[in-house]
Amino acid sequence: MNNITITWIALPLFVGFVIYLIPKIDRFLALGMTLVSGAYALQILINQESLRLQLLDNFGVTLAVDRLSGYFILTNALVTAAVIIYCWNTGRSAFFYMQAIFLHGSLNSAFICADFLSLYVALEVIGIAAFLLITYPRSDRSIWVGLRYLFISNTAMLFYLVGALLVYQANNSFVFEGLGNAPIEAQALILMGLLTKGGIFVSGLWLPLTHSESESPVSALLSGVVVKAGVYPLLRCALLVEEIDPIIRIFGVGTALLGALYAIFEKDTKRTLALSTISQLGFILSAPAVGGLYALAHGLVKATIFLIAGILPSRSFTELQEKPTNRWLWITLVIASLSVSGFPFLVGFGAKMLTMKNLQYWQEIVMNIAAVGTAVVYAKFIFLPSNGEDKVRPSFWFAAALLISGMLAANIGTFQAYTVTNIAKALATIGGGWLTYFFIFRRIEFKVPSVVEQFEHLVGGMSLMLVLLFWMILA
């Protein structure tokens, strides 16, 4: 298993270079790499395997592979595979597929890192690969959005790196467990870097513009899996360090509510999805013990809907009410929206119910409000007119089939969530959200100000988050 793991980590780099050297088989190599990752993740999840490798003594590299890693790796494999299939006949160059596989490989590395130094390297590579994919169209707008993303990411990682060095100074090791013995400065700096990288709370308000202005397949990657590179180590630290767990839970609750409120009032489809991503990341953090499953459920759904958003005749909900959507495309949209809302028979139901079961008492009220808010947000998609006949290219249907099959198959592992009480609660939550949408929010014309998303305010928000973290740790 050790040799297989090391080979699997290095393989994407080799495949990426081969793609660039032999562009005629770029798509086949890229898709094959995702299948290898999917098989590796399934082996971990089915066999309940765990592995810990320490390759370079106390200086790193420490790797940990277990069920939590398996969920994130499987998410990465399925989302990346769907994006590659979606782009199959779109004329994208070998450079696009090479960067997609470099991104895929660096995400895999981040999902098995167990020390802060290795994680830093993986996150920096992720940032560069994501930047190159965001700027792939080479338009002025895409370049600005990419540079904005890169600057925020690098600033966050600078704080993170200082915190990692302080952890090493206190423990003579970079392993995650050392965070509990590190000074408060280290804890605050590392958490601030990861919260920003993961798009959490106000430090994640860089996310709506970045995800909404990227091409739809890139948006699917960013929202489905890239932001989870910052979320995964937060979950891992919460599970390993008792003092960190309540801080992560608090930010999870705040993020779930903030993102839902923003998304409810948004009138643009892609911005709504991006803001909803912020909210769903909060659900992942609110119950770290089952965060991996929720990450998988969210990744499959968000990749599906972002791919659909690139096909819809308009980005405006107002215009979409007058421009009917292709019926089969609408059915796919409904299935994904029901899953993220927590409808039974889809993985979103089991993930949401297990998350609610693992909440602490003080989280329950706010998280139930956020769950109703999620139903309100996706009611905007579910109740779009569906008698259109626009043609959809075949590659989308293959990608959608893969993602929806994942939603159905992953649901098999959540049978313990299927109780009469849970099913009734889920249906009541969704029904309440739909009624709230029809009688209240559908009639409200209100736009949430986006001034806080401006570049200078994002940097200021990071400073405020750092102050808040110091206060929370000292408390």
Foldseek 3Di string as FASTA:
>chain_A
DVVLVVCLLCVLLVLLVVCVVDVVCLLVSLLVNLVSLLVVLCCQQVVQDWDWDFDPPQADDIWIDGNLLSLQSNLLSLLLNLLSLLCVPVPDTSNLSSLSSQLSSLLNQLSTGFFLVSLLVSLLSNLVSLLCQQCVVVDPLSNVLSVLSSVLLVVLSVLQVVLQVQLCVQPVHRGLLSVQRGDLSSVLSNLLSLCLLLLFALLNLSQLSSLLSGQLSSSLCCLLRRSCSSLSVLLVSLVNHVLSLVVLLVRLLNQLLQLLVQLLQDFFQRSSLRSNSSNLSSLLSNQSVLSSLSSSLRSLLSSLVSSLCNVQPGRGLVVLLVVAAAQVSLVLLQLSLCLCLQAPLWSSVLSNLVSLVRGDPVRNPSVLVSSLSSLLSSLSSNPGHHPDHDDDDPSNVVSSVSSRVSRNVSSVVRVVSDDPVSNVSSVVSNVSSNVCNVPPSVPDNDHDDSPCNDSVNSVVVSVVSSVVSSVSSVD
